[in-house]
Amino acid sequence: MRDVNRLQEMEVFLAVVDEGSFSAAALARGMTPSAVSKMMTRLERRLDATLMRRTTRRIRITDEGAAFARSARGILAALDQAEREVGAGPVAGTVRIATSSAYANHILAPILPALLRRHAELEIELLIGDGLADMGGRPIDLAVRAGPLPDTAMRARSLGVSEIVTVRAPGAVEGLLAFAYPRRDPIWRAEGARVRASDGATLAALARHGAGTARVGRFTVREALAEGRLELVPGSPSAGEEFHVVYIGRAAALPARVSTVIEHLVREGRVDA
């Protein structure tokens, strides 16, 4: 039986070729650099060929690697054509979406039922995580990303700009709440935070319970602000963060199931609504 991961290996290899490094390919594919490295080692072992020479700064593709890249592009182009031919078919199958817990809970959860009612054969799998993480080697159709996009060939559609607000509960403990991992945008910097968490939804929940002061997307605390459980901190700087739905992997010839979900997110899943 053929290994179903062969197509993914080809896609990741081409990402390395196009991006020039494991780290850049990892960003483009929604993986970690170590996962990309392991996959490329496995590919070379299976082919019994050296496809690339690794240095501390760059990846140099060998003649064998260049030949394999040409063949892989042809195979993926043929697959694109096959998908294009069935793209107008029924909206059926599974769409895997990588997204943050905050977006999943506050935006996706309310808007998915209508989509699922319209398309009885559509299934959704949500892969939740705020930070860049390896999704266990599983294919991802779409990703919802917040903040600046990496400089890659990925396609993206805007989901609006989320207002970043600084909030605390009445009588909250003194101290800051912050993300437990580095964020690309400096608006999230919080020196000396007393409590850190790996996702925005948890930070918002901690703020609601009075554990400190947090900077969060307004869409995550809209109800708590309206109900008086949270209050805006006077004098805090204003900021915004743009959200995008990103096409991970090949951008051309999207199946109907994927393009349908994208259009639903762009229309109903905005963070500034």
Protein backbone atom coordinates (compact mmCIF):
# COMPACT_ATOMS: atom_id res chain seq x y z
CA MET A 1 0.00 0.00 0.00
CA ARG A 2 1.34 3.44 -0.94
CA ASP A 3 2.24 5.84 1.84
CA VAL A 4 -0.47 8.51 1.92
CA ASN A 5 2.12 11.04 3.16
CA ARG A 6 4.10 11.02 -0.10
CA LEU A 7 2.21 14.01 -1.50
CA GLN A 8 2.79 15.92 1.72
CA GLU A 9 6.50 15.08 1.54
CA MET A 10 6.63 16.50 -1.97
CA GLU A 11 4.80 19.66 -0.92
CA VAL A 12 7.13 20.22 2.03
CA PHE A 13 10.20 19.51 -0.12
CA LEU A 14 9.05 22.08 -2.69
CA ALA A 15 8.45 24.56 0.14
CA VAL A 16 12.08 24.07 1.21
CA VAL A 17 13.22 24.57 -2.40
CA ASP A 18 11.12 27.72 -2.85
CA GLU A 19 11.75 29.26 0.57
CA GLY A 20 15.44 28.36 0.85
CA SER A 21 15.47 27.14 4.46
CA PHE A 22 13.73 24.76 6.84
CA SER A 23 12.52 27.60 9.07
CA ALA A 24 10.91 29.55 6.21
CA ALA A 25 9.36 26.36 4.80
CA ALA A 26 8.01 25.56 8.27
CA LEU A 27 6.27 28.95 8.46
CA ALA A 28 4.76 28.44 5.02
CA ARG A 29 3.50 24.97 5.91
CA GLY A 30 2.32 25.60 9.47
CA MET A 31 4.92 23.23 10.92
CA THR A 32 8.00 23.46 13.13
CA PRO A 33 11.50 23.49 11.60
CA SER A 34 12.30 20.21 13.36
CA ALA A 35 9.26 18.54 11.80
CA VAL A 36 10.32 19.75 8.35
CA SER A 37 13.86 18.46 8.93
CA LYS A 38 12.62 15.04 10.04
CA MET A 39 10.31 14.78 7.03
CA MET A 40 13.11 15.66 4.61
CA THR A 41 15.43 13.11 6.23
CA ARG A 42 12.73 10.48 5.87
CA LEU A 43 12.18 11.43 2.22
CA GLU A 44 15.89 11.17 1.38
CA ARG A 45 16.13 7.84 3.18
CA ARG A 46 13.14 6.47 1.29
CA LEU A 47 14.51 7.67 -2.06
CA ASP A 48 18.08 6.64 -1.14
CA ALA A 49 19.26 9.96 -2.55
CA THR A 50 20.72 13.24 -1.28
CA LEU A 51 18.29 15.96 -2.35
CA MET A 52 19.91 18.89 -0.54
CA ARG A 53 23.09 19.98 1.20
CA ARG A 54 22.48 21.60 4.56
CA THR A 55 24.58 24.51 5.84
CA THR A 56 24.12 26.71 8.88
CA ARG A 57 22.44 29.42 6.81
CA ARG A 58 21.04 27.99 3.59
CA ILE A 59 19.89 24.84 1.86
CA ARG A 60 21.62 23.99 -1.43
CA ILE A 61 19.61 21.71 -3.72
CA THR A 62 21.60 18.94 -5.41
CA ASP A 63 21.16 17.87 -9.04
CA GLU A 64 19.11 14.93 -7.80
CA GLY A 65 17.02 17.30 -5.73
CA ALA A 66 16.40 19.60 -8.70
CA ALA A 67 15.28 16.63 -10.81
CA PHE A 68 12.96 15.43 -8.05
CA ALA A 69 11.56 18.97 -7.68
CA ARG A 70 10.68 19.08 -11.39
CA SER A 71 8.95 15.72 -11.18
CA ALA A 72 7.14 16.67 -7.97
CA ARG A 73 5.83 19.90 -9.52
CA GLY A 74 4.49 17.91 -12.45
CA ILE A 75 2.74 15.44 -10.16
CA LEU A 76 1.18 18.21 -8.05
CA ALA A 77 0.13 20.10 -11.19
CA ALA A 78 -1.65 16.96 -12.41
CA LEU A 79 -3.34 16.66 -9.03
CA ASP A 80 -4.39 20.32 -9.24
CA GLN A 81 -5.97 19.60 -12.62
CA ALA A 82 -7.84 16.62 -11.20
CA GLU A 83 -9.14 18.76 -8.32
CA ARG A 84 -10.08 21.51 -10.76
CA GLU A 85 -12.22 19.05 -12.70
CA VAL A 86 -14.20 18.11 -9.59
CA GLY A 87 -14.14 21.57 -8.00
CA ALA A 88 -17.68 22.34 -9.11
CA GLY A 89 -18.99 19.18 -7.44
CA PRO A 90 -20.87 18.87 -4.16
CA VAL A 91 -19.47 20.43 -0.99
CA ALA A 92 -18.48 17.25 0.82
CA GLY A 93 -15.59 15.91 2.86
CA THR A 94 -13.45 17.22 5.70
CA VAL A 95 -11.92 20.70 5.93
CA ARG A 96 -9.13 20.97 8.51
CA ILE A 97 -8.68 24.44 9.98
CA ALA A 98 -5.78 25.48 12.22
CA THR A 99 -6.85 28.37 14.43
CA SER A 100 -6.52 29.92 17.86
CA SER A 101 -8.80 29.00 20.71
CA ALA A 102 -10.01 32.61 20.90
CA TYR A 103 -11.12 32.69 17.26
CA ALA A 104 -12.59 29.20 17.46
CA ASN A 105 -14.66 29.93 20.57
CA HIS A 106 -15.81 33.47 19.83
CA ILE A 107 -16.10 33.53 16.03
CA LEU A 108 -16.18 30.03 14.55
CA ALA A 109 -18.48 28.38 17.08
CA PRO A 110 -21.42 30.76 16.40
CA ILE A 111 -21.09 30.72 12.58
CA LEU A 112 -20.39 27.05 11.83
CA PRO A 113 -23.92 25.66 12.43
CA ALA A 114 -25.39 27.60 9.48
CA LEU A 115 -22.63 26.32 7.19
CA LEU A 116 -23.12 22.72 8.33
CA ARG A 117 -26.88 22.95 7.83
CA ARG A 118 -26.42 24.13 4.23
CA HIS A 119 -23.94 21.37 3.40
CA ALA A 120 -24.97 18.09 5.01
CA GLU A 121 -21.89 16.20 3.75
CA LEU A 122 -19.34 18.76 4.97
CA GLU A 123 -17.21 17.98 8.02
CA ILE A 124 -14.94 20.38 9.94
CA GLU A 125 -11.87 19.48 11.98
CA LEU A 126 -10.43 22.26 14.14
CA LEU A 127 -6.76 22.13 15.15
CA ILE A 128 -6.47 24.53 18.07
CA GLY A 129 -3.35 26.42 19.09
CA ASP A 130 -2.20 30.04 19.31
CA GLY A 131 1.48 29.42 18.65
CA LEU A 132 3.14 27.97 15.57
CA ALA A 133 3.04 24.24 16.17
CA ASP A 134 3.50 21.00 14.30
CA MET A 135 0.04 19.54 13.80
CA GLY A 136 1.32 15.98 14.06
CA GLY A 137 2.05 15.76 10.35
CA ARG A 138 -1.65 16.00 9.55
CA PRO A 139 -2.65 17.97 6.45
CA ILE A 140 -4.17 21.41 7.00
CA ASP A 141 -6.50 22.99 4.47
CA LEU A 142 -6.73 26.46 6.02
CA ALA A 143 -5.27 28.44 8.88
CA VAL A 144 -6.57 31.54 10.63
CA ARG A 145 -3.59 33.71 11.57
CA ALA A 146 -3.42 36.89 13.62
CA GLY A 147 -0.83 39.58 13.11
CA PRO A 148 1.82 40.07 10.42
CA LEU A 149 2.04 37.27 7.89
CA PRO A 150 5.41 35.66 7.18
CA ASP A 151 6.99 36.73 3.91
CA THR A 152 6.03 33.68 1.86
CA ALA A 153 4.00 32.82 -1.20
CA MET A 154 0.95 31.96 0.88
CA ARG A 155 -2.38 33.37 -0.22
CA ALA A 156 -4.52 35.10 2.36
CA ARG A 157 -7.93 36.75 2.71
CA SER A 158 -8.49 39.40 5.36
CA LEU A 159 -10.92 38.75 8.21
CA GLY A 160 -10.73 42.32 9.46
CA VAL A 161 -8.73 44.15 12.11
CA SER A 162 -9.34 43.25 15.74
CA GLU A 163 -9.14 46.14 18.19
CA ILE A 164 -6.65 45.31 20.94
CA VAL A 165 -7.89 46.50 24.34
CA THR A 166 -6.41 46.48 27.84
CA VAL A 167 -8.90 45.15 30.37
CA ARG A 168 -9.21 44.13 34.00
CA ALA A 169 -11.98 43.08 36.32
CA PRO A 170 -13.16 45.45 39.05
CA GLY A 171 -10.93 44.80 42.07
CA ALA A 172 -8.47 42.71 40.07
CA VAL A 173 -5.08 41.65 41.40
CA GLU A 174 -2.20 43.97 40.47
CA GLY A 175 -0.02 42.59 37.68
CA LEU A 176 -0.02 41.79 33.99
CA LEU A 177 -1.25 38.76 32.11
CA ALA A 178 0.66 37.90 28.94
CA PHE A 179 1.30 35.29 26.27
CA ALA A 180 3.78 32.57 27.20
CA TYR A 181 5.47 32.63 23.79
CA PRO A 182 6.95 35.45 21.67
CA ARG A 183 4.48 37.26 19.41
CA ARG A 184 5.75 38.87 16.20
CA ASP A 185 3.83 42.11 16.77
CA PRO A 186 5.30 44.39 19.50
CA ILE A 187 1.79 45.37 20.65
CA TRP A 188 1.78 42.17 22.74
CA ARG A 189 4.93 42.89 24.72
CA ALA A 190 4.32 42.77 28.47
CA GLU A 191 7.46 42.97 30.57
CA GLY A 192 7.25 41.51 34.07
CA ALA A 193 3.97 39.65 33.62
CA ARG A 194 2.90 37.71 36.71
CA VAL A 195 0.87 35.11 34.82
CA ARG A 196 1.48 33.80 31.30
CA ALA A 197 -0.67 31.53 29.18
CA SER A 198 -0.29 29.96 25.75
CA ASP A 199 -3.61 31.14 24.34
CA GLY A 200 -5.66 34.31 24.24
CA ALA A 201 -8.89 32.71 25.42
CA THR A 202 -7.23 31.70 28.68
CA LEU A 203 -5.84 35.22 29.17
CA ALA A 204 -9.33 36.65 28.71
CA ALA A 205 -10.75 34.14 31.21
CA LEU A 206 -8.03 34.98 33.74
CA ALA A 207 -8.82 38.67 33.37
CA ARG A 208 -12.54 38.03 33.88
CA HIS A 209 -11.74 36.24 37.15
CA GLY A 210 -9.58 39.09 38.41
CA ALA A 211 -6.13 37.51 38.00
CA GLY A 212 -4.62 40.66 36.50
CA THR A 213 -4.63 43.08 33.59
CA ALA A 214 -4.59 41.70 30.04
CA ARG A 215 -4.31 42.95 26.47
CA VAL A 216 -6.75 40.98 24.35
CA GLY A 217 -8.78 41.24 21.18
CA ARG A 218 -12.02 43.10 21.83
CA PHE A 219 -14.04 40.31 20.22
CA THR A 220 -12.94 37.95 23.03
CA VAL A 221 -14.27 40.19 25.82
CA ARG A 222 -17.16 42.05 24.17
CA GLU A 223 -19.83 40.42 26.35
CA ALA A 224 -17.81 40.76 29.57
CA LEU A 225 -17.33 44.48 28.90
CA ALA A 226 -21.03 44.98 28.18
CA GLU A 227 -21.99 43.14 31.37
CA GLY A 228 -19.51 45.05 33.54
CA ARG A 229 -17.42 41.99 34.44
CA LEU A 230 -14.45 43.67 32.77
CA GLU A 231 -13.54 47.32 32.33
CA LEU A 232 -11.20 49.13 29.96
CA VAL A 233 -8.02 50.41 31.61
CA PRO A 234 -7.96 54.22 31.16
CA GLY A 235 -5.02 55.65 29.23
CA SER A 236 -3.99 52.37 27.64
CA PRO A 237 -2.56 52.61 24.10
CA SER A 238 -4.87 51.69 21.26
CA ALA A 239 -3.81 49.11 18.69
CA GLY A 240 -5.19 46.73 16.10
CA GLU A 241 -4.27 43.30 14.78
CA GLU A 242 -5.36 42.00 11.39
CA PHE A 243 -6.63 38.44 11.00
CA HIS A 244 -6.34 36.40 7.80
CA VAL A 245 -7.56 33.08 6.55
CA VAL A 246 -4.47 31.56 4.95
CA TYR A 247 -4.26 28.84 2.32
CA ILE A 248 -1.62 26.43 3.55
CA GLY A 249 0.13 24.51 0.76
CA ARG A 250 -0.98 24.70 -2.86
CA ALA A 251 -3.15 27.74 -3.54
CA ALA A 252 -4.50 26.80 -6.96
CA ALA A 253 -7.51 24.65 -7.76
CA LEU A 254 -9.13 24.65 -4.34
CA PRO A 255 -11.75 21.92 -3.88
CA ALA A 256 -15.33 23.11 -3.46
CA ARG A 257 -15.34 22.14 0.21
CA VAL A 258 -12.34 24.40 0.93
CA SER A 259 -13.41 27.40 -1.16
CA THR A 260 -16.89 27.25 0.41
CA VAL A 261 -15.46 27.44 3.92
CA ILE A 262 -13.14 30.31 2.93
CA GLU A 263 -16.02 32.36 1.56
CA HIS A 264 -18.09 31.66 4.69
CA LEU A 265 -15.26 32.85 6.93
CA VAL A 266 -14.67 36.00 4.87
CA ARG A 267 -18.38 36.81 4.92
CA GLU A 268 -19.39 35.76 8.46
CA GLY A 269 -16.17 35.27 10.41
CA ARG A 270 -14.80 38.79 10.65
CA VAL A 271 -13.22 39.92 13.90
CA ASP A 272 -14.36 43.53 13.49
CA ALA A 273 -18.07 42.84 13.05
